Amino acid sequence: MRPHATPNYLTGYPAALIEQVHQLIAQEKLAPWLLAKYPQAHAIRTDSSLYDYVHELKNQHLRNAGQLSRVAYDPKLHIIKNALGTHTNISRVQGGKLKAKQEIRIATLFRQMPQEFLHMIVVHELAHIKQRNHDKAFYQLCQHMEPAYSQLEFELRAYLTYLDRAGAALWVTPPA
């Protein structure tokens, strides 16, 4: 059996930018920079509070989209699917009616991250309600819902690269 390869979260970015992130990690400067920019983790710890948070964002930006039946933190998501979040459409026939459910699952590691990173991944998963593929229209919708989406995505990817190398989470205690 082949060993599981470490994901390269910075794939697709310019080589010079990737090298800069690796240098910051090696010089132990990335973690202090991230902590200065994002000093604390958010307080959205439970699945019900996550549902409320996602539902509020959905109503703010995607009012005409269907109802979300479930929003939850998923402890297996990051490990099994190598994904940070998923959006699922489930259709079932119940009696003579077709019932459609939409679920959003967020990797549990987002419980202990800054609000901005949680916001970015929620925006990403909400955008999948309207746009299935990661195409230009998808990223335009993400930018519409969160103008700093691209920067937040890059900083999250830099942090995930740091986590893979250092193995120590930066935001481990809930805010006071």
N, C-alpha and C. Protein backbone atom coordinates (compact mmCIF):
# COMPACT_ATOMS: atom_id res chain seq x y z
N MET A 1 0.84 -1.18 0.00
CA MET A 1 0.00 0.00 0.00
C MET A 1 0.89 1.24 0.00
N ARG A 2 0.53 2.21 -0.86
CA ARG A 2 1.30 3.45 -0.94
C ARG A 2 1.02 4.34 0.25
N PRO A 3 2.05 5.04 0.76
CA PRO A 3 1.80 5.99 1.84
C PRO A 3 0.96 7.15 1.34
N HIS A 4 0.14 7.68 2.21
CA HIS A 4 -0.72 8.82 1.88
C HIS A 4 0.13 10.07 1.72
N ALA A 5 0.04 10.69 0.56
CA ALA A 5 0.83 11.90 0.29
C ALA A 5 0.23 13.09 1.03
N THR A 6 1.10 13.95 1.51
CA THR A 6 0.67 15.17 2.16
C THR A 6 0.08 16.09 1.11
N PRO A 7 -1.12 16.64 1.35
CA PRO A 7 -1.71 17.53 0.35
C PRO A 7 -0.90 18.80 0.19
N ASN A 8 -0.84 19.28 -1.04
CA ASN A 8 -0.15 20.53 -1.31
C ASN A 8 -1.22 21.62 -1.42
N TYR A 9 -1.44 22.32 -0.34
CA TYR A 9 -2.51 23.32 -0.29
C TYR A 9 -2.22 24.53 -1.16
N LEU A 10 -0.98 24.71 -1.58
CA LEU A 10 -0.62 25.90 -2.35
C LEU A 10 -0.50 25.63 -3.85
N THR A 11 -0.93 24.47 -4.29
CA THR A 11 -0.89 24.15 -5.71
C THR A 11 -1.68 25.20 -6.50
N GLY A 12 -1.10 25.64 -7.59
CA GLY A 12 -1.77 26.62 -8.44
C GLY A 12 -1.32 28.04 -8.20
N TYR A 13 -0.65 28.29 -7.09
CA TYR A 13 -0.12 29.63 -6.83
C TYR A 13 1.26 29.75 -7.47
N PRO A 14 1.72 30.97 -7.76
CA PRO A 14 3.05 31.16 -8.35
C PRO A 14 4.15 30.58 -7.45
N ALA A 15 5.18 30.03 -8.09
CA ALA A 15 6.28 29.39 -7.37
C ALA A 15 6.94 30.33 -6.37
N ALA A 16 7.09 31.60 -6.73
CA ALA A 16 7.72 32.57 -5.83
C ALA A 16 6.89 32.76 -4.55
N LEU A 17 5.59 32.75 -4.69
CA LEU A 17 4.70 32.91 -3.53
C LEU A 17 4.76 31.66 -2.64
N ILE A 18 4.77 30.51 -3.25
CA ILE A 18 4.89 29.25 -2.49
C ILE A 18 6.20 29.22 -1.73
N GLU A 19 7.27 29.61 -2.39
CA GLU A 19 8.59 29.63 -1.75
C GLU A 19 8.60 30.61 -0.58
N GLN A 20 7.94 31.73 -0.74
CA GLN A 20 7.88 32.73 0.34
C GLN A 20 7.17 32.15 1.57
N VAL A 21 6.07 31.42 1.35
CA VAL A 21 5.36 30.79 2.46
C VAL A 21 6.25 29.77 3.15
N HIS A 22 6.94 28.94 2.36
CA HIS A 22 7.84 27.94 2.93
C HIS A 22 8.98 28.59 3.74
N GLN A 23 9.49 29.70 3.25
CA GLN A 23 10.53 30.41 3.98
C GLN A 23 10.01 30.98 5.30
N LEU A 24 8.82 31.56 5.26
CA LEU A 24 8.22 32.10 6.48
C LEU A 24 8.01 31.00 7.52
N ILE A 25 7.60 29.83 7.06
CA ILE A 25 7.43 28.70 7.99
C ILE A 25 8.79 28.28 8.56
N ALA A 26 9.79 28.14 7.68
CA ALA A 26 11.13 27.72 8.12
C ALA A 26 11.75 28.72 9.09
N GLN A 27 11.50 30.01 8.88
CA GLN A 27 12.04 31.05 9.75
C GLN A 27 11.16 31.30 10.98
N GLU A 28 10.11 30.50 11.11
CA GLU A 28 9.16 30.63 12.21
C GLU A 28 8.53 32.03 12.29
N LYS A 29 8.21 32.58 11.14
CA LYS A 29 7.59 33.90 11.08
C LYS A 29 6.13 33.86 10.64
N LEU A 30 5.70 32.76 10.04
CA LEU A 30 4.32 32.69 9.55
C LEU A 30 3.33 32.66 10.72
N ALA A 31 3.58 31.84 11.71
CA ALA A 31 2.66 31.72 12.85
C ALA A 31 2.48 33.06 13.58
N PRO A 32 3.57 33.78 13.93
CA PRO A 32 3.36 35.07 14.59
C PRO A 32 2.60 36.08 13.72
N TRP A 33 2.85 36.04 12.42
CA TRP A 33 2.14 36.95 11.50
C TRP A 33 0.65 36.64 11.49
N LEU A 34 0.30 35.34 11.39
CA LEU A 34 -1.11 34.95 11.38
C LEU A 34 -1.78 35.30 12.71
N LEU A 35 -1.08 35.06 13.82
CA LEU A 35 -1.66 35.37 15.13
C LEU A 35 -1.84 36.87 15.34
N ALA A 36 -0.96 37.67 14.76
CA ALA A 36 -1.12 39.12 14.86
C ALA A 36 -2.31 39.60 14.02
N LYS A 37 -2.49 38.99 12.87
CA LYS A 37 -3.59 39.38 11.98
C LYS A 37 -4.94 38.84 12.47
N TYR A 38 -4.91 37.62 12.99
CA TYR A 38 -6.12 36.95 13.48
C TYR A 38 -5.86 36.49 14.92
N PRO A 39 -6.06 37.36 15.90
CA PRO A 39 -5.61 37.05 17.27
C PRO A 39 -6.38 35.94 18.00
N GLN A 40 -7.63 35.67 17.61
CA GLN A 40 -8.35 34.65 18.36
C GLN A 40 -9.30 33.84 17.48
N ALA A 41 -9.67 32.70 18.02
CA ALA A 41 -10.63 31.83 17.35
C ALA A 41 -12.04 32.36 17.57
N HIS A 42 -12.95 31.95 16.70
CA HIS A 42 -14.35 32.36 16.84
C HIS A 42 -15.02 31.57 17.96
N ALA A 43 -16.25 31.90 18.26
CA ALA A 43 -16.99 31.25 19.34
C ALA A 43 -18.09 30.32 18.81
N ILE A 44 -18.10 30.02 17.53
CA ILE A 44 -19.13 29.16 16.94
C ILE A 44 -18.67 27.71 17.08
N ARG A 45 -19.03 27.09 18.18
CA ARG A 45 -18.51 25.77 18.54
C ARG A 45 -19.46 24.61 18.26
N THR A 46 -20.76 24.85 18.34
CA THR A 46 -21.73 23.76 18.21
C THR A 46 -22.31 23.72 16.80
N ASP A 47 -22.88 22.57 16.46
CA ASP A 47 -23.52 22.43 15.16
C ASP A 47 -24.72 23.37 15.04
N SER A 48 -25.45 23.58 16.12
CA SER A 48 -26.61 24.47 16.04
C SER A 48 -26.19 25.93 15.84
N SER A 49 -25.13 26.35 16.49
CA SER A 49 -24.66 27.73 16.28
C SER A 49 -24.05 27.87 14.87
N LEU A 50 -23.43 26.81 14.37
CA LEU A 50 -22.92 26.83 12.99
C LEU A 50 -24.08 26.92 12.01
N TYR A 51 -25.14 26.17 12.25
CA TYR A 51 -26.33 26.23 11.40
C TYR A 51 -26.88 27.65 11.35
N ASP A 52 -27.02 28.26 12.52
CA ASP A 52 -27.54 29.63 12.59
C ASP A 52 -26.65 30.60 11.81
N TYR A 53 -25.36 30.45 11.96
CA TYR A 53 -24.40 31.31 11.27
C TYR A 53 -24.51 31.15 9.75
N VAL A 54 -24.53 29.90 9.29
CA VAL A 54 -24.62 29.63 7.85
C VAL A 54 -25.97 30.09 7.31
N HIS A 55 -27.03 29.83 8.06
CA HIS A 55 -28.37 30.22 7.63
C HIS A 55 -28.47 31.73 7.47
N GLU A 56 -27.89 32.47 8.39
CA GLU A 56 -27.89 33.93 8.31
C GLU A 56 -27.15 34.42 7.06
N LEU A 57 -25.99 33.83 6.79
CA LEU A 57 -25.25 34.21 5.58
C LEU A 57 -26.02 33.84 4.31
N LYS A 58 -26.64 32.67 4.31
CA LYS A 58 -27.42 32.24 3.15
C LYS A 58 -28.57 33.20 2.90
N ASN A 59 -29.26 33.59 3.95
CA ASN A 59 -30.38 34.53 3.79
C ASN A 59 -29.92 35.90 3.34
N GLN A 60 -28.72 36.28 3.72
CA GLN A 60 -28.19 37.57 3.34
C GLN A 60 -27.81 37.61 1.85
N HIS A 61 -27.25 36.51 1.33
CA HIS A 61 -26.71 36.52 -0.03
C HIS A 61 -27.47 35.63 -1.02
N LEU A 62 -28.14 34.60 -0.56
CA LEU A 62 -28.79 33.64 -1.45
C LEU A 62 -30.22 33.36 -0.98
N ARG A 63 -31.01 34.40 -0.89
CA ARG A 63 -32.36 34.28 -0.35
C ARG A 63 -33.23 33.27 -1.10
N ASN A 64 -33.09 33.22 -2.42
CA ASN A 64 -33.95 32.36 -3.24
C ASN A 64 -33.46 30.93 -3.35
N ALA A 65 -32.32 30.63 -2.75
CA ALA A 65 -31.82 29.26 -2.77
C ALA A 65 -32.66 28.42 -1.81
N GLY A 66 -32.68 27.13 -2.04
CA GLY A 66 -33.47 26.24 -1.20
C GLY A 66 -33.03 26.23 0.25
N GLN A 67 -33.86 25.65 1.08
CA GLN A 67 -33.60 25.57 2.51
C GLN A 67 -32.48 24.58 2.80
N LEU A 68 -31.65 24.88 3.76
CA LEU A 68 -30.62 23.95 4.22
C LEU A 68 -31.24 23.03 5.25
N SER A 69 -31.10 21.74 5.05
CA SER A 69 -31.68 20.81 6.01
C SER A 69 -30.70 20.49 7.14
N ARG A 70 -29.41 20.60 6.86
CA ARG A 70 -28.42 20.29 7.90
C ARG A 70 -27.13 21.05 7.63
N VAL A 71 -26.55 21.56 8.70
CA VAL A 71 -25.22 22.16 8.68
C VAL A 71 -24.52 21.64 9.92
N ALA A 72 -23.32 21.09 9.73
CA ALA A 72 -22.64 20.48 10.87
C ALA A 72 -21.13 20.48 10.67
N TYR A 73 -20.43 20.42 11.80
CA TYR A 73 -19.00 20.14 11.77
C TYR A 73 -18.85 18.64 11.56
N ASP A 74 -17.92 18.24 10.71
CA ASP A 74 -17.72 16.82 10.41
C ASP A 74 -16.30 16.42 10.76
N PRO A 75 -16.11 15.62 11.80
CA PRO A 75 -14.75 15.26 12.23
C PRO A 75 -13.99 14.38 11.24
N LYS A 76 -14.71 13.70 10.36
CA LYS A 76 -14.05 12.79 9.40
C LYS A 76 -13.71 13.46 8.08
N LEU A 77 -14.25 14.61 7.86
CA LEU A 77 -14.15 15.25 6.54
C LEU A 77 -12.72 15.49 6.09
N HIS A 78 -11.92 16.15 6.90
CA HIS A 78 -10.56 16.50 6.51
C HIS A 78 -9.70 15.25 6.31
N ILE A 79 -9.91 14.26 7.14
CA ILE A 79 -9.08 13.07 7.10
C ILE A 79 -9.45 12.18 5.92
N ILE A 80 -10.73 11.93 5.70
CA ILE A 80 -11.16 10.97 4.70
C ILE A 80 -11.17 11.56 3.30
N LYS A 81 -11.82 12.68 3.11
CA LYS A 81 -12.01 13.22 1.77
C LYS A 81 -10.99 14.27 1.38
N ASN A 82 -10.10 14.60 2.28
CA ASN A 82 -9.12 15.65 2.02
C ASN A 82 -9.81 16.93 1.57
N ALA A 83 -10.94 17.21 2.22
CA ALA A 83 -11.72 18.40 1.91
C ALA A 83 -11.94 19.18 3.20
N LEU A 84 -12.20 20.45 3.05
CA LEU A 84 -12.43 21.32 4.21
C LEU A 84 -13.91 21.55 4.45
N GLY A 85 -14.70 21.29 3.43
CA GLY A 85 -16.14 21.44 3.53
C GLY A 85 -16.79 20.74 2.37
N THR A 86 -18.05 20.37 2.54
CA THR A 86 -18.80 19.76 1.44
C THR A 86 -20.20 20.33 1.40
N HIS A 87 -20.75 20.35 0.21
CA HIS A 87 -22.14 20.72 0.00
C HIS A 87 -22.77 19.54 -0.73
N THR A 88 -23.86 19.01 -0.17
CA THR A 88 -24.48 17.82 -0.73
C THR A 88 -25.94 18.08 -1.01
N ASN A 89 -26.39 17.65 -2.17
CA ASN A 89 -27.81 17.63 -2.52
C ASN A 89 -28.28 16.19 -2.44
N ILE A 90 -29.35 15.94 -1.70
CA ILE A 90 -29.89 14.60 -1.57
C ILE A 90 -31.35 14.66 -2.00
N SER A 91 -31.72 13.84 -2.97
CA SER A 91 -33.11 13.78 -3.43
C SER A 91 -33.68 12.42 -3.09
N ARG A 92 -34.87 12.42 -2.51
CA ARG A 92 -35.54 11.17 -2.14
C ARG A 92 -37.01 11.28 -2.53
N VAL A 93 -37.58 10.15 -2.89
CA VAL A 93 -39.01 10.08 -3.15
C VAL A 93 -39.69 9.65 -1.86
N GLN A 94 -40.62 10.48 -1.41
CA GLN A 94 -41.40 10.15 -0.22
C GLN A 94 -42.87 10.23 -0.61
N GLY A 95 -43.47 9.07 -0.68
CA GLY A 95 -44.85 9.02 -1.16
C GLY A 95 -44.86 9.38 -2.63
N GLY A 96 -45.65 10.34 -3.00
CA GLY A 96 -45.71 10.78 -4.39
C GLY A 96 -44.90 12.04 -4.65
N LYS A 97 -44.10 12.44 -3.67
CA LYS A 97 -43.36 13.70 -3.79
C LYS A 97 -41.86 13.45 -3.81
N LEU A 98 -41.18 14.32 -4.53
CA LEU A 98 -39.72 14.30 -4.55
C LEU A 98 -39.23 15.32 -3.53
N LYS A 99 -38.51 14.85 -2.53
CA LYS A 99 -37.98 15.71 -1.48
C LYS A 99 -36.49 15.94 -1.73
N ALA A 100 -36.09 17.19 -1.70
CA ALA A 100 -34.68 17.54 -1.89
C ALA A 100 -34.12 18.13 -0.60
N LYS A 101 -32.97 17.66 -0.21
CA LYS A 101 -32.30 18.18 0.98
C LYS A 101 -30.93 18.69 0.58
N GLN A 102 -30.53 19.76 1.22
CA GLN A 102 -29.19 20.30 1.02
C GLN A 102 -28.47 20.31 2.35
N GLU A 103 -27.25 19.77 2.35
CA GLU A 103 -26.45 19.72 3.57
C GLU A 103 -25.11 20.37 3.33
N ILE A 104 -24.62 21.04 4.36
CA ILE A 104 -23.27 21.59 4.34
C ILE A 104 -22.54 21.01 5.53
N ARG A 105 -21.37 20.47 5.27
CA ARG A 105 -20.52 19.94 6.34
C ARG A 105 -19.19 20.68 6.29
N ILE A 106 -18.72 21.07 7.47
CA ILE A 106 -17.48 21.83 7.60
C ILE A 106 -16.51 20.99 8.43
N ALA A 107 -15.27 20.90 8.00
CA ALA A 107 -14.26 20.14 8.73
C ALA A 107 -14.14 20.68 10.16
N THR A 108 -14.02 19.77 11.11
CA THR A 108 -13.98 20.12 12.52
C THR A 108 -12.83 21.06 12.87
N LEU A 109 -11.75 21.01 12.10
CA LEU A 109 -10.62 21.90 12.41
C LEU A 109 -11.02 23.37 12.36
N PHE A 110 -12.14 23.70 11.72
CA PHE A 110 -12.61 25.08 11.67
C PHE A 110 -13.24 25.54 12.98
N ARG A 111 -13.46 24.62 13.91
CA ARG A 111 -13.95 25.03 15.23
C ARG A 111 -12.94 25.90 15.95
N GLN A 112 -11.68 25.69 15.66
CA GLN A 112 -10.61 26.42 16.35
C GLN A 112 -9.81 27.27 15.38
N MET A 113 -10.53 28.05 14.61
CA MET A 113 -9.90 28.98 13.67
C MET A 113 -10.53 30.35 13.82
N PRO A 114 -9.90 31.34 13.26
CA PRO A 114 -10.49 32.69 13.29
C PRO A 114 -11.81 32.73 12.51
N GLN A 115 -12.66 33.65 12.89
CA GLN A 115 -13.95 33.84 12.23
C GLN A 115 -13.78 34.04 10.73
N GLU A 116 -12.74 34.74 10.32
CA GLU A 116 -12.55 35.03 8.90
C GLU A 116 -12.35 33.75 8.09
N PHE A 117 -11.63 32.76 8.63
CA PHE A 117 -11.41 31.50 7.91
C PHE A 117 -12.70 30.68 7.85
N LEU A 118 -13.45 30.67 8.95
CA LEU A 118 -14.75 29.98 8.94
C LEU A 118 -15.67 30.64 7.93
N HIS A 119 -15.69 31.95 7.93
CA HIS A 119 -16.53 32.70 6.98
C HIS A 119 -16.18 32.33 5.54
N MET A 120 -14.88 32.26 5.25
CA MET A 120 -14.44 31.95 3.90
C MET A 120 -14.91 30.57 3.46
N ILE A 121 -14.78 29.55 4.33
CA ILE A 121 -15.18 28.21 3.93
C ILE A 121 -16.70 28.09 3.82
N VAL A 122 -17.44 28.81 4.66
CA VAL A 122 -18.90 28.81 4.58
C VAL A 122 -19.34 29.47 3.28
N VAL A 123 -18.73 30.59 2.92
CA VAL A 123 -19.04 31.26 1.66
C VAL A 123 -18.77 30.31 0.49
N HIS A 124 -17.66 29.59 0.55
CA HIS A 124 -17.30 28.64 -0.50
C HIS A 124 -18.39 27.57 -0.66
N GLU A 125 -18.83 27.00 0.46
CA GLU A 125 -19.84 25.95 0.39
C GLU A 125 -21.21 26.50 -0.02
N LEU A 126 -21.54 27.70 0.43
CA LEU A 126 -22.80 28.32 0.01
C LEU A 126 -22.79 28.60 -1.49
N ALA A 127 -21.66 29.00 -2.02
CA ALA A 127 -21.57 29.27 -3.46
C ALA A 127 -21.89 28.03 -4.28
N HIS A 128 -21.62 26.84 -3.73
CA HIS A 128 -21.93 25.60 -4.44
C HIS A 128 -23.44 25.37 -4.58
N ILE A 129 -24.24 26.07 -3.81
CA ILE A 129 -25.69 25.96 -3.98
C ILE A 129 -26.08 26.47 -5.37
N LYS A 130 -25.44 27.56 -5.79
CA LYS A 130 -25.74 28.16 -7.10
C LYS A 130 -24.82 27.66 -8.21
N GLN A 131 -23.57 27.43 -7.91
CA GLN A 131 -22.58 27.04 -8.91
C GLN A 131 -21.92 25.74 -8.48
N ARG A 132 -22.11 24.69 -9.22
CA ARG A 132 -21.58 23.38 -8.85
C ARG A 132 -20.06 23.29 -9.02
N ASN A 133 -19.54 23.87 -10.10
CA ASN A 133 -18.12 23.73 -10.42
C ASN A 133 -17.30 24.92 -9.95
N HIS A 134 -16.01 24.69 -9.81
CA HIS A 134 -15.09 25.77 -9.44
C HIS A 134 -14.68 26.51 -10.71
N ASP A 135 -15.59 27.26 -11.26
CA ASP A 135 -15.31 28.02 -12.47
C ASP A 135 -15.34 29.51 -12.17
N LYS A 136 -15.25 30.31 -13.21
CA LYS A 136 -15.19 31.76 -13.04
C LYS A 136 -16.44 32.29 -12.32
N ALA A 137 -17.61 31.81 -12.69
CA ALA A 137 -18.85 32.26 -12.06
C ALA A 137 -18.87 31.91 -10.57
N PHE A 138 -18.34 30.75 -10.23
CA PHE A 138 -18.28 30.32 -8.84
C PHE A 138 -17.44 31.30 -8.02
N TYR A 139 -16.24 31.60 -8.50
CA TYR A 139 -15.36 32.50 -7.75
C TYR A 139 -15.87 33.94 -7.73
N GLN A 140 -16.59 34.35 -8.77
CA GLN A 140 -17.22 35.67 -8.75
C GLN A 140 -18.30 35.74 -7.66
N LEU A 141 -19.04 34.65 -7.50
CA LEU A 141 -20.06 34.60 -6.45
C LEU A 141 -19.40 34.63 -5.07
N CYS A 142 -18.30 33.89 -4.91
CA CYS A 142 -17.57 33.92 -3.64
C CYS A 142 -17.09 35.33 -3.33
N GLN A 143 -16.53 36.02 -4.33
CA GLN A 143 -16.05 37.40 -4.16
C GLN A 143 -17.21 38.35 -3.83
N HIS A 144 -18.37 38.08 -4.41
CA HIS A 144 -19.54 38.91 -4.12
C HIS A 144 -19.95 38.76 -2.64
N MET A 145 -19.94 37.53 -2.15
CA MET A 145 -20.35 37.29 -0.77
C MET A 145 -19.27 37.70 0.23
N GLU A 146 -17.99 37.59 -0.17
CA GLU A 146 -16.86 37.97 0.69
C GLU A 146 -15.80 38.62 -0.19
N PRO A 147 -15.75 39.96 -0.21
CA PRO A 147 -14.80 40.66 -1.09
C PRO A 147 -13.34 40.24 -0.88
N ALA A 148 -12.96 39.83 0.31
CA ALA A 148 -11.58 39.42 0.58
C ALA A 148 -11.40 37.90 0.42
N TYR A 149 -12.30 37.25 -0.31
CA TYR A 149 -12.29 35.79 -0.43
C TYR A 149 -10.93 35.25 -0.88
N SER A 150 -10.38 35.80 -1.93
CA SER A 150 -9.12 35.27 -2.48
C SER A 150 -7.98 35.37 -1.47
N GLN A 151 -7.89 36.49 -0.79
CA GLN A 151 -6.83 36.67 0.21
C GLN A 151 -7.02 35.71 1.39
N LEU A 152 -8.26 35.57 1.84
CA LEU A 152 -8.54 34.65 2.94
C LEU A 152 -8.24 33.21 2.55
N GLU A 153 -8.59 32.85 1.33
CA GLU A 153 -8.30 31.48 0.87
C GLU A 153 -6.80 31.23 0.85
N PHE A 154 -6.04 32.19 0.37
CA PHE A 154 -4.58 32.01 0.34
C PHE A 154 -4.01 31.91 1.76
N GLU A 155 -4.45 32.77 2.65
CA GLU A 155 -3.94 32.74 4.03
C GLU A 155 -4.34 31.45 4.74
N LEU A 156 -5.54 30.96 4.46
CA LEU A 156 -5.95 29.67 5.02
C LEU A 156 -5.06 28.56 4.48
N ARG A 157 -4.78 28.58 3.20
CA ARG A 157 -3.91 27.56 2.60
C ARG A 157 -2.49 27.64 3.17
N ALA A 158 -2.01 28.84 3.42
CA ALA A 158 -0.69 29.00 4.04
C ALA A 158 -0.72 28.41 5.46
N TYR A 159 -1.81 28.66 6.20
CA TYR A 159 -1.93 28.11 7.55
C TYR A 159 -2.00 26.58 7.52
N LEU A 160 -2.74 26.02 6.58
CA LEU A 160 -2.83 24.55 6.47
C LEU A 160 -1.47 23.95 6.11
N THR A 161 -0.70 24.65 5.31
CA THR A 161 0.67 24.20 5.00
C THR A 161 1.51 24.23 6.26
N TYR A 162 1.36 25.29 7.04
CA TYR A 162 2.06 25.38 8.33
C TYR A 162 1.65 24.22 9.24
N LEU A 163 0.36 23.93 9.32
CA LEU A 163 -0.13 22.83 10.16
C LEU A 163 0.49 21.50 9.74
N ASP A 164 0.58 21.26 8.44
CA ASP A 164 1.18 20.02 7.95
C ASP A 164 2.64 19.90 8.35
N ARG A 165 3.33 21.02 8.33
CA ARG A 165 4.77 20.99 8.65
C ARG A 165 5.03 21.05 10.16
N ALA A 166 4.34 21.92 10.86
CA ALA A 166 4.61 22.11 12.30
C ALA A 166 3.75 21.20 13.18
N GLY A 167 2.55 20.90 12.70
CA GLY A 167 1.67 20.02 13.46
C GLY A 167 1.02 20.63 14.68
N ALA A 168 1.22 21.91 14.92
CA ALA A 168 0.65 22.57 16.10
C ALA A 168 -0.33 23.65 15.69
N ALA A 169 -1.57 23.51 16.14
CA ALA A 169 -2.58 24.50 15.83
C ALA A 169 -2.28 25.82 16.55
N LEU A 170 -2.63 26.93 15.92
CA LEU A 170 -2.36 28.23 16.52
C LEU A 170 -3.48 28.69 17.44
N TRP A 171 -4.71 28.37 17.09
CA TRP A 171 -5.86 28.82 17.86
C TRP A 171 -6.47 27.61 18.56
N VAL A 172 -6.04 27.34 19.77
CA VAL A 172 -6.51 26.14 20.44
C VAL A 172 -7.44 26.39 21.60
N THR A 173 -7.57 27.61 22.05
CA THR A 173 -8.48 27.90 23.14
C THR A 173 -9.57 28.83 22.66
N PRO A 174 -10.79 28.66 23.15
CA PRO A 174 -11.87 29.56 22.75
C PRO A 174 -11.64 30.96 23.28
N PRO A 175 -12.22 31.96 22.61
CA PRO A 175 -12.06 33.33 23.10
C PRO A 175 -12.69 33.49 24.48
N ALA A 176 -12.18 34.44 25.26
CA ALA A 176 -12.68 34.65 26.64
C ALA A 176 -14.02 35.32 26.62
